């Protein structure tokens, strides 16, 4: 899994690429924690480069979201497509989190 981050307004846009499965899901949570440690508790996860997400990936998202909320922060998502979008819809994540088409939209809303 690969990550790239950039600051956009009040948010850190964390672009994620690769598979989010049992082997890699912990990396996502670790990246979110590093943002919090740096004082950035508002994150937009750009999932446009994620081609697969498992239940372990969903658990890492939930864990990161809990930690962010505890720090008065939040996590938003953008770039969902294909299988990842389907998993978000079926699992109820689409109703739990704010989802946008683009990172720019996510940081403005």
Foldseek 3Di string as FASTA:
>chain_A
DDWDWDDDPLEIEIEDAEECEPVCLVVVLVVLVVCVVVVRLEYEYEDQRYPYYDVSNVVSVVVSQVVSVVVVYGYAYENDDDPRVVCCVVVVVPVVHHYDHDPVVVVPD
